[in-house]
C-alpha atoms as a PDB file:
ATOM      1  CA  UNK A   1      -3.469   0.076 -24.113  1.00  0.00           C
ATOM      2  CA  UNK A   2      -5.041   3.450 -23.183  1.00  0.00           C
ATOM      3  CA  UNK A   3      -7.062   3.824 -19.896  1.00  0.00           C
ATOM      4  CA  UNK A   4     -10.554   5.483 -20.420  1.00  0.00           C
ATOM      5  CA  UNK A   5     -11.079   8.582 -18.078  1.00  0.00           C
ATOM      6  CA  UNK A   6     -14.598   9.819 -17.357  1.00  0.00           C
ATOM      7  CA  UNK A   7     -15.540  13.226 -16.331  1.00  0.00           C
ATOM      8  CA  UNK A   8     -18.035  13.351 -13.489  1.00  0.00           C
ATOM      9  CA  UNK A   9     -19.718  16.848 -12.341  1.00  0.00           C
ATOM     10  CA  UNK A  10     -21.214  17.022  -9.058  1.00  0.00           C
ATOM     11  CA  UNK A  11     -23.418  19.967  -8.079  1.00  0.00           C
ATOM     12  CA  UNK A  12     -23.331  21.052  -4.367  1.00  0.00           C
ATOM     13  CA  UNK A  13     -24.206  24.100  -2.275  1.00  0.00           C
ATOM     14  CA  UNK A  14     -21.570  26.204  -0.423  1.00  0.00           C
ATOM     15  CA  UNK A  15     -22.275  24.337   2.761  1.00  0.00           C
ATOM     16  CA  UNK A  16     -21.584  20.916   1.097  1.00  0.00           C
ATOM     17  CA  UNK A  17     -18.417  22.348  -0.808  1.00  0.00           C
ATOM     18  CA  UNK A  18     -17.031  23.653   2.236  1.00  0.00           C
ATOM     19  CA  UNK A  19     -17.538  20.204   3.974  1.00  0.00           C
ATOM     20  CA  UNK A  20     -16.051  18.355   1.082  1.00  0.00           C
ATOM     21  CA  UNK A  21     -13.104  20.782   1.450  1.00  0.00           C
ATOM     22  CA  UNK A  22     -12.658  20.011   5.321  1.00  0.00           C
ATOM     23  CA  UNK A  23     -12.654  16.268   4.432  1.00  0.00           C
ATOM     24  CA  UNK A  24      -9.951  16.716   1.879  1.00  0.00           C
ATOM     25  CA  UNK A  25      -7.801  18.720   4.439  1.00  0.00           C
ATOM     26  CA  UNK A  26      -8.401  16.343   7.135  1.00  0.00           C
ATOM     27  CA  UNK A  27      -7.581  13.158   5.110  1.00  0.00           C
ATOM     28  CA  UNK A  28      -4.537  14.607   3.292  1.00  0.00           C
ATOM     29  CA  UNK A  29      -5.817  12.990   0.029  1.00  0.00           C
ATOM     30  CA  UNK A  30      -7.165  14.762  -3.309  1.00  0.00           C
ATOM     31  CA  UNK A  31     -10.725  15.735  -3.923  1.00  0.00           C
ATOM     32  CA  UNK A  32     -10.920  13.055  -6.173  1.00  0.00           C
ATOM     33  CA  UNK A  33      -9.890  10.313  -4.018  1.00  0.00           C
ATOM     34  CA  UNK A  34     -12.290  11.763  -1.093  1.00  0.00           C
ATOM     35  CA  UNK A  35     -15.215  11.707  -3.557  1.00  0.00           C
ATOM     36  CA  UNK A  36     -14.573   8.403  -4.993  1.00  0.00           C
ATOM     37  CA  UNK A  37     -14.210   6.820  -1.387  1.00  0.00           C
ATOM     38  CA  UNK A  38     -17.313   8.584  -0.162  1.00  0.00           C
ATOM     39  CA  UNK A  39     -19.318   7.341  -3.301  1.00  0.00           C
ATOM     40  CA  UNK A  40     -17.923   3.728  -2.936  1.00  0.00           C
ATOM     41  CA  UNK A  41     -18.791   3.827   0.812  1.00  0.00           C
ATOM     42  CA  UNK A  42     -15.214   3.340   1.854  1.00  0.00           C
ATOM     43  CA  UNK A  43     -13.716   4.999   5.049  1.00  0.00           C
ATOM     44  CA  UNK A  44     -11.461   7.773   4.454  1.00  0.00           C
ATOM     45  CA  UNK A  45      -8.071   7.101   5.902  1.00  0.00           C
ATOM     46  CA  UNK A  46      -6.378   9.925   7.787  1.00  0.00           C
ATOM     47  CA  UNK A  47      -2.836  10.377   6.555  1.00  0.00           C
ATOM     48  CA  UNK A  48       0.122  12.343   8.033  1.00  0.00           C
ATOM     49  CA  UNK A  49       3.866  12.607   7.026  1.00  0.00           C
ATOM     50  CA  UNK A  50       6.630  11.741   9.535  1.00  0.00           C
ATOM     51  CA  UNK A  51      10.300  11.828   8.694  1.00  0.00           C
ATOM     52  CA  UNK A  52       9.501  11.674   4.907  1.00  0.00           C
ATOM     53  CA  UNK A  53       7.310   8.804   5.436  1.00  0.00           C
ATOM     54  CA  UNK A  54       3.550   8.709   4.944  1.00  0.00           C
ATOM     55  CA  UNK A  55       1.404   7.162   7.722  1.00  0.00           C
ATOM     56  CA  UNK A  56      -2.097   6.364   6.940  1.00  0.00           C
ATOM     57  CA  UNK A  57      -4.371   5.266   9.897  1.00  0.00           C
ATOM     58  CA  UNK A  58      -7.308   2.978   9.407  1.00  0.00           C
ATOM     59  CA  UNK A  59     -10.400   2.384  11.611  1.00  0.00           C
ATOM     60  CA  UNK A  60      -8.341   2.541  14.922  1.00  0.00           C
ATOM     61  CA  UNK A  61      -4.971   3.954  16.026  1.00  0.00           C
ATOM     62  CA  UNK A  62      -3.728   0.252  15.900  1.00  0.00           C
ATOM     63  CA  UNK A  63      -4.408   0.209  12.080  1.00  0.00           C
ATOM     64  CA  UNK A  64      -1.969   1.884  10.036  1.00  0.00           C
ATOM     65  CA  UNK A  65       0.313   1.823   7.094  1.00  0.00           C
ATOM     66  CA  UNK A  66       3.678   3.560   6.880  1.00  0.00           C
ATOM     67  CA  UNK A  67       4.739   4.173   3.345  1.00  0.00           C
ATOM     68  CA  UNK A  68       8.190   5.752   2.236  1.00  0.00           C
ATOM     69  CA  UNK A  69       8.487   8.594  -0.339  1.00  0.00           C
ATOM     70  CA  UNK A  70       8.235   6.055  -3.243  1.00  0.00           C
ATOM     71  CA  UNK A  71       5.004   4.314  -1.994  1.00  0.00           C
ATOM     72  CA  UNK A  72       6.463   1.266  -0.778  1.00  0.00           C
ATOM     73  CA  UNK A  73       4.948  -0.273   2.409  1.00  0.00           C
ATOM     74  CA  UNK A  74       7.574  -0.234   5.105  1.00  0.00           C
ATOM     75  CA  UNK A  75       5.314  -0.989   8.041  1.00  0.00           C
ATOM     76  CA  UNK A  76       1.690  -2.203   8.563  1.00  0.00           C
ATOM     77  CA  UNK A  77      -0.412  -3.102  11.584  1.00  0.00           C
ATOM     78  CA  UNK A  78      -3.860  -4.528  11.661  1.00  0.00           C
ATOM     79  CA  UNK A  79      -6.034  -4.968  14.841  1.00  0.00           C
ATOM     80  CA  UNK A  80      -8.824  -7.313  14.982  1.00  0.00           C
ATOM     81  CA  UNK A  81     -11.456  -6.238  17.789  1.00  0.00           C
ATOM     82  CA  UNK A  82     -13.127  -9.378  17.571  1.00  0.00           C
ATOM     83  CA  UNK A  83     -10.171 -11.594  18.409  1.00  0.00           C
ATOM     84  CA  UNK A  84      -8.118  -8.759  20.140  1.00  0.00           C
ATOM     85  CA  UNK A  85      -5.305  -9.778  18.063  1.00  0.00           C
ATOM     86  CA  UNK A  86      -2.839  -7.073  16.679  1.00  0.00           C
ATOM     87  CA  UNK A  87      -0.512  -8.110  13.849  1.00  0.00           C
ATOM     88  CA  UNK A  88       2.599  -5.838  12.822  1.00  0.00           C
ATOM     89  CA  UNK A  89       4.671  -6.487   9.621  1.00  0.00           C
ATOM     90  CA  UNK A  90       7.954  -4.732   8.542  1.00  0.00           C
ATOM     91  CA  UNK A  91       9.174  -4.867   5.047  1.00  0.00           C
ATOM     92  CA  UNK A  92      12.668  -4.126   3.620  1.00  0.00           C
ATOM     93  CA  UNK A  93      13.740  -3.791  -0.172  1.00  0.00           C
ATOM     94  CA  UNK A  94      16.942  -4.306  -1.990  1.00  0.00           C
ATOM     95  CA  UNK A  95      18.817  -1.799  -3.852  1.00  0.00           C
ATOM     96  CA  UNK A  96      16.430  -2.351  -7.029  1.00  0.00           C
ATOM     97  CA  UNK A  97      13.290  -1.672  -4.936  1.00  0.00           C
ATOM     98  CA  UNK A  98      12.163  -5.219  -4.801  1.00  0.00           C
ATOM     99  CA  UNK A  99      10.639  -6.685  -1.711  1.00  0.00           C
ATOM    100  CA  UNK A 100      13.574  -8.426   0.356  1.00  0.00           C
ATOM    101  CA  UNK A 101      11.950  -9.559   3.653  1.00  0.00           C
ATOM    102  CA  UNK A 102       8.343  -9.311   5.622  1.00  0.00           C
ATOM    103  CA  UNK A 103       9.136  -9.931   9.227  1.00  0.00           C
ATOM    104  CA  UNK A 104       5.612 -10.155  11.393  1.00  0.00           C
ATOM    105  CA  UNK A 105       4.984  -9.801  14.959  1.00  0.00           C
ATOM    106  CA  UNK A 106       4.148 -13.694  15.252  1.00  0.00           C
ATOM    107  CA  UNK A 107       7.837 -14.332  14.488  1.00  0.00           C
ATOM    108  CA  UNK A 108       7.397 -15.385  10.867  1.00  0.00           C
ATOM    109  CA  UNK A 109      10.037 -14.070   8.491  1.00  0.00           C
ATOM    110  CA  UNK A 110       9.510 -14.310   4.791  1.00  0.00           C
ATOM    111  CA  UNK A 111      12.462 -13.749   2.418  1.00  0.00           C
ATOM    112  CA  UNK A 112      12.294 -13.129  -1.327  1.00  0.00           C
ATOM    113  CA  UNK A 113      15.419 -13.663  -3.637  1.00  0.00           C
ATOM    114  CA  UNK A 114      15.612 -12.888  -7.317  1.00  0.00           C
ATOM    115  CA  UNK A 115      17.977 -15.308  -8.946  1.00  0.00           C
ATOM    116  CA  UNK A 116      16.888 -14.700 -12.374  1.00  0.00           C
ATOM    117  CA  UNK A 117      16.217 -11.456 -14.516  1.00  0.00           C
ATOM    118  CA  UNK A 118      15.864 -10.803 -18.074  1.00  0.00           C
ATOM    119  CA  UNK A 119      18.007  -8.650 -20.321  1.00  0.00           C
ATOM    120  CA  UNK A 120      16.127  -5.519 -19.087  1.00  0.00           C
ATOM    121  CA  UNK A 121      16.942  -6.096 -15.432  1.00  0.00           C
ATOM    122  CA  UNK A 122      13.570  -7.348 -14.408  1.00  0.00           C
ATOM    123  CA  UNK A 123      13.135 -10.402 -12.325  1.00  0.00           C
ATOM    124  CA  UNK A 124      11.682 -13.526 -13.984  1.00  0.00           C
ATOM    125  CA  UNK A 125      12.304 -16.055 -10.960  1.00  0.00           C
ATOM    126  CA  UNK A 126      11.571 -15.094  -7.432  1.00  0.00           C
ATOM    127  CA  UNK A 127      12.197 -17.785  -4.524  1.00  0.00           C
ATOM    128  CA  UNK A 128      10.287 -17.374  -1.504  1.00  0.00           C
ATOM    129  CA  UNK A 129      11.273 -18.701   2.040  1.00  0.00           C
ATOM    130  CA  UNK A 130       9.394 -18.761   5.302  1.00  0.00           C
ATOM    131  CA  UNK A 131      11.520 -18.931   8.290  1.00  0.00           C
ATOM    132  CA  UNK A 132      14.307 -20.305   6.167  1.00  0.00           C
ATOM    133  CA  UNK A 133      12.553 -23.076   4.851  1.00  0.00           C
ATOM    134  CA  UNK A 134      11.395 -23.281   1.081  1.00  0.00           C
ATOM    135  CA  UNK A 135       8.005 -21.986   0.521  1.00  0.00           C
ATOM    136  CA  UNK A 136       7.495 -21.144  -3.073  1.00  0.00           C
ATOM    137  CA  UNK A 137       8.588 -20.043  -6.334  1.00  0.00           C
ATOM    138  CA  UNK A 138       7.218 -17.333  -8.752  1.00  0.00           C
ATOM    139  CA  UNK A 139       8.080 -17.183 -12.320  1.00  0.00           C
ATOM    140  CA  UNK A 140       7.135 -14.628 -14.760  1.00  0.00           C
ATOM    141  CA  UNK A 141       7.814 -13.554 -18.502  1.00  0.00           C
ATOM    142  CA  UNK A 142       7.290 -10.223 -19.626  1.00  0.00           C
ATOM    143  CA  UNK A 143       6.575  -9.241 -23.216  1.00  0.00           C
ATOM    144  CA  UNK A 144       7.923  -5.775 -24.149  1.00  0.00           C
ATOM    145  CA  UNK A 145       6.185  -3.727 -26.838  1.00  0.00           C
ATOM    146  CA  UNK A 146       8.263  -1.366 -28.778  1.00  0.00           C
END
């Protein structure tokens, strides 16, 4: 199925264009992302690159997401000002790039195991454990179109 794309023209004066370019430069995002986030009313996250990983900051310095070069989340932190509570989660992935563990700062460890795959190597059954105890099973079937 083909995705629909739309073209949007935005008229602005030189000062507005310069402001847009500054926002693009500050955020590390594309012009398209900056404009879409601005129109949708979302905060533009600032991003930086450290050791080949992208770090995106949220509303506060305590809110951030660290992603590797493939875009996989390695670490995320969320701070609740209302509760004065900070949660940090760290993720690991197996050799196939599938999520393997999620360890959170509240001492919970979620593990993901993939005991069954189809003939193309995609997982069809995922077993989830929480702190070593069975927590859930996800099963999926994939239809391939040639």
